C-alpha atoms as a PDB file:
ATOM      1  CA  MET A   1     -20.375   7.579  -9.455  1.00  0.00           C
ATOM      2  CA  ARG A   2     -19.841   6.117  -6.005  1.00  0.00           C
ATOM      3  CA  LEU A   3     -17.437   8.825  -4.802  1.00  0.00           C
ATOM      4  CA  GLU A   4     -19.064  11.885  -6.346  1.00  0.00           C
ATOM      5  CA  GLY A   5     -18.284  14.964  -4.245  1.00  0.00           C
ATOM      6  CA  LYS A   6     -15.655  13.173  -2.136  1.00  0.00           C
ATOM      7  CA  VAL A   7     -12.103  14.440  -1.614  1.00  0.00           C
ATOM      8  CA  ALA A   8      -9.275  11.949  -1.085  1.00  0.00           C
ATOM      9  CA  LEU A   9      -5.644  11.967  -0.021  1.00  0.00           C
ATOM     10  CA  VAL A  10      -3.562   9.040  -1.312  1.00  0.00           C
ATOM     11  CA  THR A  11       0.018   8.801  -0.060  1.00  0.00           C
ATOM     12  CA  GLY A  12       2.486   6.998  -2.273  1.00  0.00           C
ATOM     13  CA  GLY A  13       0.076   7.741  -5.103  1.00  0.00           C
ATOM     14  CA  GLY A  14       2.424   8.186  -8.048  1.00  0.00           C
ATOM     15  CA  THR A  15       3.125   4.532  -8.791  1.00  0.00           C
ATOM     16  CA  GLY A  16       1.940   1.000  -8.085  1.00  0.00           C
ATOM     17  CA  ILE A  17      -1.090   0.341  -5.928  1.00  0.00           C
ATOM     18  CA  GLY A  18      -1.400   3.995  -4.903  1.00  0.00           C
ATOM     19  CA  ALA A  19      -1.608   5.140  -8.518  1.00  0.00           C
ATOM     20  CA  ALA A  20      -4.214   2.493  -9.322  1.00  0.00           C
ATOM     21  CA  VAL A  21      -6.283   3.549  -6.313  1.00  0.00           C
ATOM     22  CA  ALA A  22      -6.089   7.229  -7.257  1.00  0.00           C
ATOM     23  CA  GLU A  23      -7.238   6.380 -10.777  1.00  0.00           C
ATOM     24  CA  GLY A  24     -10.134   4.356  -9.413  1.00  0.00           C
ATOM     25  CA  PHE A  25     -11.212   7.198  -7.144  1.00  0.00           C
ATOM     26  CA  VAL A  26     -11.188   9.740  -9.968  1.00  0.00           C
ATOM     27  CA  ALA A  27     -13.184   7.387 -12.182  1.00  0.00           C
ATOM     28  CA  GLU A  28     -15.847   7.269  -9.459  1.00  0.00           C
ATOM     29  CA  GLY A  29     -16.091  11.058  -9.166  1.00  0.00           C
ATOM     30  CA  ALA A  30     -13.642  11.957  -6.397  1.00  0.00           C
ATOM     31  CA  LYS A  31     -11.087  14.758  -6.330  1.00  0.00           C
ATOM     32  CA  VAL A  32      -7.699  13.283  -5.370  1.00  0.00           C
ATOM     33  CA  CYS A  33      -4.445  14.614  -3.994  1.00  0.00           C
ATOM     34  CA  ILE A  34      -1.553  12.175  -4.426  1.00  0.00           C
ATOM     35  CA  THR A  35       1.717  12.424  -2.533  1.00  0.00           C
ATOM     36  CA  GLY A  36       5.167  10.894  -2.805  1.00  0.00           C
ATOM     37  CA  ARG A  37       8.811  11.789  -2.487  1.00  0.00           C
ATOM     38  CA  ARG A  38       9.514  12.178  -6.230  1.00  0.00           C
ATOM     39  CA  GLN A  39       8.037  15.342  -7.694  1.00  0.00           C
ATOM     40  CA  ALA A  40       8.703  14.335 -11.311  1.00  0.00           C
ATOM     41  CA  VAL A  41       6.902  11.009 -10.906  1.00  0.00           C
ATOM     42  CA  LEU A  42       3.881  12.704  -9.352  1.00  0.00           C
ATOM     43  CA  GLU A  43       3.695  15.363 -12.055  1.00  0.00           C
ATOM     44  CA  GLU A  44       3.949  12.767 -14.820  1.00  0.00           C
ATOM     45  CA  TYR A  45       1.073  10.807 -13.315  1.00  0.00           C
ATOM     46  CA  THR A  46      -1.253  13.729 -12.554  1.00  0.00           C
ATOM     47  CA  ALA A  47      -0.795  14.980 -16.130  1.00  0.00           C
ATOM     48  CA  LYS A  48      -2.963  12.047 -17.251  1.00  0.00           C
ATOM     49  CA  PHE A  49      -6.012  13.474 -15.472  1.00  0.00           C
ATOM     50  CA  PRO A  50      -8.072  16.677 -15.590  1.00  0.00           C
ATOM     51  CA  ARG A  51      -6.534  19.406 -13.444  1.00  0.00           C
ATOM     52  CA  ASP A  52      -9.701  19.759 -11.404  1.00  0.00           C
ATOM     53  CA  LYS A  53      -9.629  16.045 -10.522  1.00  0.00           C
ATOM     54  CA  MET A  54      -6.074  15.345  -9.377  1.00  0.00           C
ATOM     55  CA  ILE A  55      -3.271  17.330  -7.794  1.00  0.00           C
ATOM     56  CA  ALA A  56       0.170  16.322  -6.511  1.00  0.00           C
ATOM     57  CA  CYS A  57       2.072  17.257  -3.378  1.00  0.00           C
ATOM     58  CA  ALA A  58       5.642  16.016  -3.026  1.00  0.00           C
ATOM     59  CA  GLY A  59       6.768  15.113   0.465  1.00  0.00           C
ATOM     60  CA  ASP A  60       7.882  12.476   2.948  1.00  0.00           C
ATOM     61  CA  VAL A  61       5.192  11.083   5.263  1.00  0.00           C
ATOM     62  CA  SER A  62       7.754  10.585   8.029  1.00  0.00           C
ATOM     63  CA  LYS A  63       8.336  14.346   8.281  1.00  0.00           C
ATOM     64  CA  ILE A  64       5.822  16.454  10.203  1.00  0.00           C
ATOM     65  CA  GLU A  65       6.149  19.605   8.103  1.00  0.00           C
ATOM     66  CA  ASP A  66       5.722  17.615   4.888  1.00  0.00           C
ATOM     67  CA  VAL A  67       2.575  15.963   6.210  1.00  0.00           C
ATOM     68  CA  LYS A  68       1.122  19.301   7.291  1.00  0.00           C
ATOM     69  CA  ARG A  69       1.770  20.614   3.782  1.00  0.00           C
ATOM     70  CA  MET A  70       0.000  17.569   2.293  1.00  0.00           C
ATOM     71  CA  ILE A  71      -3.053  18.254   4.437  1.00  0.00           C
ATOM     72  CA  ASP A  72      -3.037  21.940   3.509  1.00  0.00           C
ATOM     73  CA  THR A  73      -2.749  21.005  -0.170  1.00  0.00           C
ATOM     74  CA  VAL A  74      -5.703  18.646  -0.205  1.00  0.00           C
ATOM     75  CA  LEU A  75      -7.808  21.141   1.750  1.00  0.00           C
ATOM     76  CA  GLY A  76      -6.909  23.899  -0.661  1.00  0.00           C
ATOM     77  CA  PHE A  77      -7.772  21.647  -3.586  1.00  0.00           C
ATOM     78  CA  GLY A  78     -11.036  20.147  -2.362  1.00  0.00           C
ATOM     79  CA  GLY A  79     -12.024  22.125   0.717  1.00  0.00           C
ATOM     80  CA  LYS A  80     -12.284  19.035   2.923  1.00  0.00           C
ATOM     81  CA  ILE A  81     -10.971  15.500   3.470  1.00  0.00           C
ATOM     82  CA  ASP A  82     -13.340  12.550   3.177  1.00  0.00           C
ATOM     83  CA  ILE A  83     -10.930   9.727   2.379  1.00  0.00           C
ATOM     84  CA  VAL A  84      -7.357   8.961   3.421  1.00  0.00           C
ATOM     85  CA  VAL A  85      -5.307   6.123   1.951  1.00  0.00           C
ATOM     86  CA  ASN A  86      -2.052   5.489   3.803  1.00  0.00           C
ATOM     87  CA  ASN A  87      -0.153   3.702   1.058  1.00  0.00           C
ATOM     88  CA  ALA A  88       3.351   5.199   1.203  1.00  0.00           C
ATOM     89  CA  ALA A  89       5.794   2.580   2.446  1.00  0.00           C
ATOM     90  CA  ALA A  90       9.390   1.395   2.363  1.00  0.00           C
ATOM     91  CA  GLU A  91      10.643  -2.158   1.974  1.00  0.00           C
ATOM     92  CA  LEU A  92      13.961  -3.451   3.217  1.00  0.00           C
ATOM     93  CA  HIS A  93      15.460  -6.919   3.275  1.00  0.00           C
ATOM     94  CA  GLY A  94      17.373  -8.088   6.325  1.00  0.00           C
ATOM     95  CA  SER A  95      17.087 -10.258   9.414  1.00  0.00           C
ATOM     96  CA  VAL A  96      17.257  -8.846  12.950  1.00  0.00           C
ATOM     97  CA  ILE A  97      21.021  -9.409  13.176  1.00  0.00           C
ATOM     98  CA  ASP A  98      21.686  -8.006   9.722  1.00  0.00           C
ATOM     99  CA  LEU A  99      19.684  -4.791  10.040  1.00  0.00           C
ATOM    100  CA  ASP A 100      21.448  -1.636  11.091  1.00  0.00           C
ATOM    101  CA  PRO A 101      19.499   0.215  13.829  1.00  0.00           C
ATOM    102  CA  ALA A 102      19.251   3.221  11.508  1.00  0.00           C
ATOM    103  CA  GLN A 103      17.600   1.038   8.848  1.00  0.00           C
ATOM    104  CA  TRP A 104      15.145  -0.306  11.422  1.00  0.00           C
ATOM    105  CA  GLN A 105      14.278   3.242  12.478  1.00  0.00           C
ATOM    106  CA  GLN A 106      13.792   4.305   8.858  1.00  0.00           C
ATOM    107  CA  MET A 107      11.251   1.527   8.355  1.00  0.00           C
ATOM    108  CA  LEU A 108       9.398   2.506  11.536  1.00  0.00           C
ATOM    109  CA  ASP A 109       9.391   6.164  10.504  1.00  0.00           C
ATOM    110  CA  THR A 110       7.926   5.502   7.056  1.00  0.00           C
ATOM    111  CA  ASN A 111       5.641   2.526   7.575  1.00  0.00           C
ATOM    112  CA  LEU A 112       4.226   3.357  11.028  1.00  0.00           C
ATOM    113  CA  THR A 113       4.976   6.942  11.980  1.00  0.00           C
ATOM    114  CA  GLY A 114       3.934   8.063   8.499  1.00  0.00           C
ATOM    115  CA  PRO A 115       0.345   6.778   8.785  1.00  0.00           C
ATOM    116  CA  PHE A 116       0.222   8.110  12.364  1.00  0.00           C
ATOM    117  CA  LEU A 117       1.198  11.624  11.252  1.00  0.00           C
ATOM    118  CA  VAL A 118      -1.193  11.626   8.288  1.00  0.00           C
ATOM    119  CA  CYS A 119      -4.067  10.524  10.507  1.00  0.00           C
ATOM    120  CA  LYS A 120      -3.098  12.915  13.297  1.00  0.00           C
ATOM    121  CA  TYR A 121      -3.388  15.947  11.012  1.00  0.00           C
ATOM    122  CA  ALA A 122      -6.212  14.687   8.772  1.00  0.00           C
ATOM    123  CA  LEU A 123      -8.575  13.452  11.492  1.00  0.00           C
ATOM    124  CA  PRO A 124      -9.594  16.874  12.885  1.00  0.00           C
ATOM    125  CA  HIS A 125     -10.741  17.918   9.403  1.00  0.00           C
ATOM    126  CA  MET A 126     -12.556  14.620   8.851  1.00  0.00           C
ATOM    127  CA  ILE A 127     -14.327  15.004  12.186  1.00  0.00           C
ATOM    128  CA  LYS A 128     -15.307  18.555  11.296  1.00  0.00           C
ATOM    129  CA  GLY A 129     -16.676  17.296   7.989  1.00  0.00           C
ATOM    130  CA  GLY A 130     -18.871  14.694   9.635  1.00  0.00           C
ATOM    131  CA  GLY A 131     -16.809  11.535   9.117  1.00  0.00           C
ATOM    132  CA  GLY A 132     -15.007   9.614   6.423  1.00  0.00           C
ATOM    133  CA  SER A 133     -12.966   6.564   5.544  1.00  0.00           C
ATOM    134  CA  ILE A 134      -9.319   5.798   6.297  1.00  0.00           C
ATOM    135  CA  ILE A 135      -7.719   2.871   4.482  1.00  0.00           C
ATOM    136  CA  ASN A 136      -4.308   1.688   5.645  1.00  0.00           C
ATOM    137  CA  VAL A 137      -2.311  -0.388   3.190  1.00  0.00           C
ATOM    138  CA  ALA A 138      -0.642  -3.158   5.152  1.00  0.00           C
ATOM    139  CA  SER A 139       0.540  -6.375   3.485  1.00  0.00           C
ATOM    140  CA  ILE A 140       0.064 -10.102   3.662  1.00  0.00           C
ATOM    141  CA  ALA A 141       3.467  -9.856   5.359  1.00  0.00           C
ATOM    142  CA  ALA A 142       1.606  -8.417   8.366  1.00  0.00           C
ATOM    143  CA  ILE A 143       0.265 -11.885   9.171  1.00  0.00           C
ATOM    144  CA  LEU A 144       2.845 -14.170   7.526  1.00  0.00           C
ATOM    145  CA  ALA A 145       6.578 -14.238   8.202  1.00  0.00           C
ATOM    146  CA  VAL A 146       8.707 -13.635   5.116  1.00  0.00           C
ATOM    147  CA  PRO A 147      12.399 -14.657   5.078  1.00  0.00           C
ATOM    148  CA  ASP A 148      14.767 -11.767   5.870  1.00  0.00           C
ATOM    149  CA  MET A 149      12.019  -9.153   6.072  1.00  0.00           C
ATOM    150  CA  ALA A 150      12.053  -8.458   9.814  1.00  0.00           C
ATOM    151  CA  ALA A 151      11.456  -4.711   9.683  1.00  0.00           C
ATOM    152  CA  TYR A 152       8.874  -4.817   6.898  1.00  0.00           C
ATOM    153  CA  CYS A 153       6.803  -7.584   8.475  1.00  0.00           C
ATOM    154  CA  THR A 154       6.959  -5.939  11.900  1.00  0.00           C
ATOM    155  CA  THR A 155       5.878  -2.506  10.703  1.00  0.00           C
ATOM    156  CA  LYS A 156       3.040  -3.894   8.611  1.00  0.00           C
ATOM    157  CA  ALA A 157       1.805  -5.940  11.575  1.00  0.00           C
ATOM    158  CA  GLY A 158       1.948  -2.798  13.697  1.00  0.00           C
ATOM    159  CA  LEU A 159      -0.186  -0.995  11.135  1.00  0.00           C
ATOM    160  CA  LEU A 160      -2.998  -3.481  11.795  1.00  0.00           C
ATOM    161  CA  GLY A 161      -2.990  -2.532  15.473  1.00  0.00           C
ATOM    162  CA  PHE A 162      -2.980   1.143  14.563  1.00  0.00           C
ATOM    163  CA  THR A 163      -5.953   0.549  12.254  1.00  0.00           C
ATOM    164  CA  ARG A 164      -8.000  -1.033  15.036  1.00  0.00           C
ATOM    165  CA  GLN A 165      -7.130   1.779  17.442  1.00  0.00           C
ATOM    166  CA  VAL A 166      -8.186   4.547  15.053  1.00  0.00           C
ATOM    167  CA  ALA A 167     -11.403   2.679  14.289  1.00  0.00           C
ATOM    168  CA  TYR A 168     -12.182   2.330  17.995  1.00  0.00           C
ATOM    169  CA  ASP A 169     -11.339   5.892  19.014  1.00  0.00           C
ATOM    170  CA  TYR A 170     -13.006   7.729  16.134  1.00  0.00           C
ATOM    171  CA  GLY A 171     -15.975   5.574  15.220  1.00  0.00           C
ATOM    172  CA  VAL A 172     -18.102   7.887  17.337  1.00  0.00           C
ATOM    173  CA  HIS A 173     -17.288  10.615  14.805  1.00  0.00           C
ATOM    174  CA  LYS A 174     -18.472   8.416  11.892  1.00  0.00           C
ATOM    175  CA  ILE A 175     -14.939   7.723  10.805  1.00  0.00           C
ATOM    176  CA  ARG A 176     -14.217   4.215   9.607  1.00  0.00           C
ATOM    177  CA  CYS A 177     -10.694   2.777   9.465  1.00  0.00           C
ATOM    178  CA  ASN A 178      -9.827  -0.465   7.696  1.00  0.00           C
ATOM    179  CA  ALA A 179      -6.701  -2.198   6.446  1.00  0.00           C
ATOM    180  CA  VAL A 180      -6.012  -3.837   3.111  1.00  0.00           C
ATOM    181  CA  LEU A 181      -3.449  -6.646   3.021  1.00  0.00           C
ATOM    182  CA  PRO A 182      -2.225  -7.054  -0.567  1.00  0.00           C
ATOM    183  CA  GLY A 183      -0.268 -10.051  -1.697  1.00  0.00           C
ATOM    184  CA  ALA A 184       2.104 -10.061  -4.672  1.00  0.00           C
ATOM    185  CA  PHE A 185       1.401  -7.253  -7.149  1.00  0.00           C
ATOM    186  CA  ARG A 186       3.442  -6.106 -10.130  1.00  0.00           C
ATOM    187  CA  THR A 187       4.602  -2.855  -8.594  1.00  0.00           C
ATOM    188  CA  GLU A 188       7.833  -0.884  -8.761  1.00  0.00           C
ATOM    189  CA  MET A 189       8.605  -2.126  -5.241  1.00  0.00           C
ATOM    190  CA  PHE A 190       8.043  -5.763  -6.259  1.00  0.00           C
ATOM    191  CA  GLU A 191      10.339  -5.444  -9.255  1.00  0.00           C
ATOM    192  CA  GLY A 192      12.979  -3.644  -7.194  1.00  0.00           C
ATOM    193  CA  SER A 193      12.943  -6.452  -4.644  1.00  0.00           C
ATOM    194  CA  PHE A 194      13.125  -9.375  -7.014  1.00  0.00           C
ATOM    195  CA  LYS A 195      14.692  -8.401 -10.354  1.00  0.00           C
ATOM    196  CA  GLY A 196      18.212  -8.701  -9.034  1.00  0.00           C
ATOM    197  CA  PHE A 197      17.366 -11.980  -7.345  1.00  0.00           C
ATOM    198  CA  ALA A 198      15.954 -13.388 -10.583  1.00  0.00           C
ATOM    199  CA  GLU A 199      19.016 -12.271 -12.537  1.00  0.00           C
ATOM    200  CA  SER A 200      21.346 -13.845  -9.987  1.00  0.00           C
ATOM    201  CA  LEU A 201      19.621 -17.164 -10.642  1.00  0.00           C
ATOM    202  CA  GLY A 202      19.841 -16.778 -14.398  1.00  0.00           C
ATOM    203  CA  LEU A 203      16.076 -16.386 -14.814  1.00  0.00           C
ATOM    204  CA  GLU A 204      14.190 -13.999 -17.064  1.00  0.00           C
ATOM    205  CA  PHE A 205      12.101 -11.764 -14.818  1.00  0.00           C
ATOM    206  CA  GLU A 206       8.797 -12.675 -16.482  1.00  0.00           C
ATOM    207  CA  GLU A 207       9.546 -16.342 -15.898  1.00  0.00           C
ATOM    208  CA  PHE A 208      10.401 -15.575 -12.278  1.00  0.00           C
ATOM    209  CA  VAL A 209       7.075 -13.735 -11.787  1.00  0.00           C
ATOM    210  CA  LYS A 210       5.180 -16.707 -13.188  1.00  0.00           C
ATOM    211  CA  ILE A 211       6.979 -19.107 -10.871  1.00  0.00           C
ATOM    212  CA  TRP A 212       6.632 -16.825  -7.842  1.00  0.00           C
ATOM    213  CA  GLY A 213       2.857 -16.723  -8.150  1.00  0.00           C
ATOM    214  CA  SER A 214       2.400 -20.434  -8.796  1.00  0.00           C
ATOM    215  CA  PRO A 215       2.126 -21.691  -5.161  1.00  0.00           C
ATOM    216  CA  ALA A 216      -0.895 -19.423  -4.496  1.00  0.00           C
ATOM    217  CA  PRO A 217      -4.380 -20.879  -5.046  1.00  0.00           C
ATOM    218  CA  LEU A 218      -4.953 -18.477  -7.957  1.00  0.00           C
ATOM    219  CA  LYS A 219      -1.494 -19.307  -9.350  1.00  0.00           C
ATOM    220  CA  ARG A 220      -0.366 -15.802 -10.302  1.00  0.00           C
ATOM    221  CA  VAL A 221       0.919 -12.371  -9.357  1.00  0.00           C
ATOM    222  CA  ALA A 222      -1.678  -9.596  -9.754  1.00  0.00           C
ATOM    223  CA  LYS A 223      -1.755  -6.396 -11.774  1.00  0.00           C
ATOM    224  CA  THR A 224      -2.270  -3.207  -9.769  1.00  0.00           C
ATOM    225  CA  GLU A 225      -5.538  -2.316 -11.509  1.00  0.00           C
ATOM    226  CA  GLU A 226      -7.109  -5.422  -9.970  1.00  0.00           C
ATOM    227  CA  ILE A 227      -7.151  -3.882  -6.499  1.00  0.00           C
ATOM    228  CA  LYS A 228      -8.726  -0.477  -7.096  1.00  0.00           C
ATOM    229  CA  GLY A 229     -12.309  -1.793  -6.862  1.00  0.00           C
ATOM    230  CA  LEU A 230     -11.720  -2.891  -3.266  1.00  0.00           C
ATOM    231  CA  PHE A 231     -10.505   0.582  -2.316  1.00  0.00           C
ATOM    232  CA  VAL A 232     -13.470   2.242  -4.004  1.00  0.00           C
ATOM    233  CA  PHE A 233     -15.759  -0.032  -1.991  1.00  0.00           C
ATOM    234  CA  LEU A 234     -14.014   0.807   1.295  1.00  0.00           C
ATOM    235  CA  ALA A 235     -13.979   4.526   0.514  1.00  0.00           C
ATOM    236  CA  SER A 236     -17.659   4.627  -0.443  1.00  0.00           C
ATOM    237  CA  ASP A 237     -20.876   4.408   1.536  1.00  0.00           C
ATOM    238  CA  GLU A 238     -21.262   0.833   0.283  1.00  0.00           C
ATOM    239  CA  SER A 239     -18.954  -0.231   3.122  1.00  0.00           C
ATOM    240  CA  SER A 240     -20.723   1.901   5.737  1.00  0.00           C
ATOM    241  CA  TYR A 241     -20.734  -0.910   8.346  1.00  0.00           C
ATOM    242  CA  ALA A 242     -17.110  -1.964   7.885  1.00  0.00           C
ATOM    243  CA  THR A 243     -14.471  -0.708  10.296  1.00  0.00           C
ATOM    244  CA  ALA A 244     -11.492  -2.161  12.205  1.00  0.00           C
ATOM    245  CA  SER A 245     -11.433  -4.877   9.554  1.00  0.00           C
ATOM    246  CA  GLU A 246      -8.632  -6.501   7.577  1.00  0.00           C
ATOM    247  CA  PHE A 247      -9.229  -7.220   3.904  1.00  0.00           C
ATOM    248  CA  THR A 248      -6.751  -9.755   2.562  1.00  0.00           C
ATOM    249  CA  TYR A 249      -6.254  -9.526  -1.194  1.00  0.00           C
ATOM    250  CA  ASP A 250      -3.552 -12.033  -1.948  1.00  0.00           C
ATOM    251  CA  ALA A 251      -4.719 -14.840  -4.273  1.00  0.00           C
ATOM    252  CA  GLY A 252      -5.423 -16.967  -1.186  1.00  0.00           C
ATOM    253  CA  VAL A 253      -1.876 -16.976   0.196  1.00  0.00           C
ATOM    254  CA  HIS A 254      -3.130 -16.253   3.734  1.00  0.00           C
ATOM    255  CA  ASN A 255      -4.866 -19.639   3.652  1.00  0.00           C
ATOM    256  CA  ILE A 256      -1.560 -21.476   3.210  1.00  0.00           C
ATOM    257  CA  ASP A 257       0.899 -22.374   5.956  1.00  0.00           C
ATOM    258  CA  ALA A 258       3.562 -19.647   5.828  1.00  0.00           C
ATOM    259  CA  ALA A 259       6.534 -21.994   6.003  1.00  0.00           C
ATOM    260  CA  ALA A 260       5.068 -24.235   3.318  1.00  0.00           C
ATOM    261  CA  PHE A 261       4.313 -21.282   1.048  1.00  0.00           C
ATOM    262  CA  ASN A 262       7.793 -19.818   1.361  1.00  0.00           C
ATOM    263  CA  ALA A 263       9.332 -23.244   0.823  1.00  0.00           C
ATOM    264  CA  GLN A 264       7.221 -23.844  -2.278  1.00  0.00           C
ATOM    265  CA  ASN A 265       8.224 -20.463  -3.669  1.00  0.00           C
ATOM    266  CA  PHE A 266      11.938 -20.931  -3.202  1.00  0.00           C
ATOM    267  CA  VAL A 267      11.971 -24.572  -4.280  1.00  0.00           C
ATOM    268  CA  ALA A 268      10.118 -23.697  -7.470  1.00  0.00           C
ATOM    269  CA  VAL A 269      12.404 -20.743  -8.218  1.00  0.00           C
ATOM    270  CA  LEU A 270      15.588 -22.678  -7.543  1.00  0.00           C
ATOM    271  CA  ALA A 271      14.383 -25.622  -9.614  1.00  0.00           C
ATOM    272  CA  ALA A 272      13.726 -23.311 -12.531  1.00  0.00           C
ATOM    273  CA  ALA A 273      17.150 -21.725 -12.099  1.00  0.00           C
ATOM    274  CA  ARG A 274      18.843 -25.123 -12.191  1.00  0.00           C
ATOM    275  CA  ALA A 275      16.876 -26.061 -15.301  1.00  0.00           C
ATOM    276  CA  ALA A 276      17.846 -22.802 -16.966  1.00  0.00           C
ATOM    277  CA  ALA A 277      21.512 -23.346 -16.110  1.00  0.00           C
ATOM    278  CA  ALA A 278      21.428 -26.929 -17.381  1.00  0.00           C
ATOM    279  CA  ALA A 279      19.929 -25.779 -20.687  1.00  0.00           C
ATOM    280  CA  LYS A 280      22.822 -23.398 -21.387  1.00  0.00           C
END
């Protein structure tokens, strides 16, 4: 049990990667508080676990009072904070010209200000407890440009800088801060982004997913449960010498030229769409 006696806060923990991480933490002995904006989703997920192992706190990480309530909830549940996973995020398509300033601000508030607020109010308790591990969930989009994803790519890149700063400033307090850069995972966000696109091309979504993952060296899109082991490692003492580091977890996409990868993706998808149309 690598996280026995540890207490964790996982934002965006009701679905997708956050849910998989929370499950992995509980399996390794931790007590976990998950947060998210949808109370019903959180309650449905926590019901799968023993009440003394997981608790939910609904709230928006971009709002100060909500974040303070999250911190109070995890402290009331576990008495301390050893691990923070900043996973809550928003995704929005649009180029710089297309984005409304209010949309841009919303992305900044959720994807950058959110982790800042969580760390701001969690860090004093982590320092008091003698240290801990903060894991910020960025994206492969932090280091690769993605078509029409200006706000998302920018905020995720900014999160890498924030990760390094927290690691530098609080390492003296035995607090480690690292970033995970996931690639394509079968999450609710992934399906929300691409289902409509696949349908517009006349493709079955499962076929689209298969095609979308094919340009990567491992030739596939991942399941969320495949990533929880990395988070357990970063949350545990096994990674005691790792901080200010970026852990790419993307089937090797970061090793491919961004323009070539995007071109391969869209060419493959469009070719499949044309074939599907011709077959009808």
